[in-house]
């Protein structure tokens, strides 16, 4: 794995680790990772699924299509992992 991919994967996985899952289902909607796990037959998601989601989130945050993001875009990028999924 290239160093930049390692950093990218580490950032994605760290953001996942920081996600706080709802204690009560009535309090808030589950986030995208919970939804993905619930849809999976074994209740798990693969690295490939996480990286695909991260790639899409990065592309969405990279509004200038430069292949890199600034601080403001990074905030959008990381929020996409904790955003509630509403369907």
Foldseek 3Di string as FASTA:
>chain_A
DDPVVVVLLVVLVVLLVPADADPDCVPAAGAPLQVVLVPDPVSHDDSVVSVVVLVVLLCVLPPVPPSDHDPVSVVSSSVNRRDHDPD
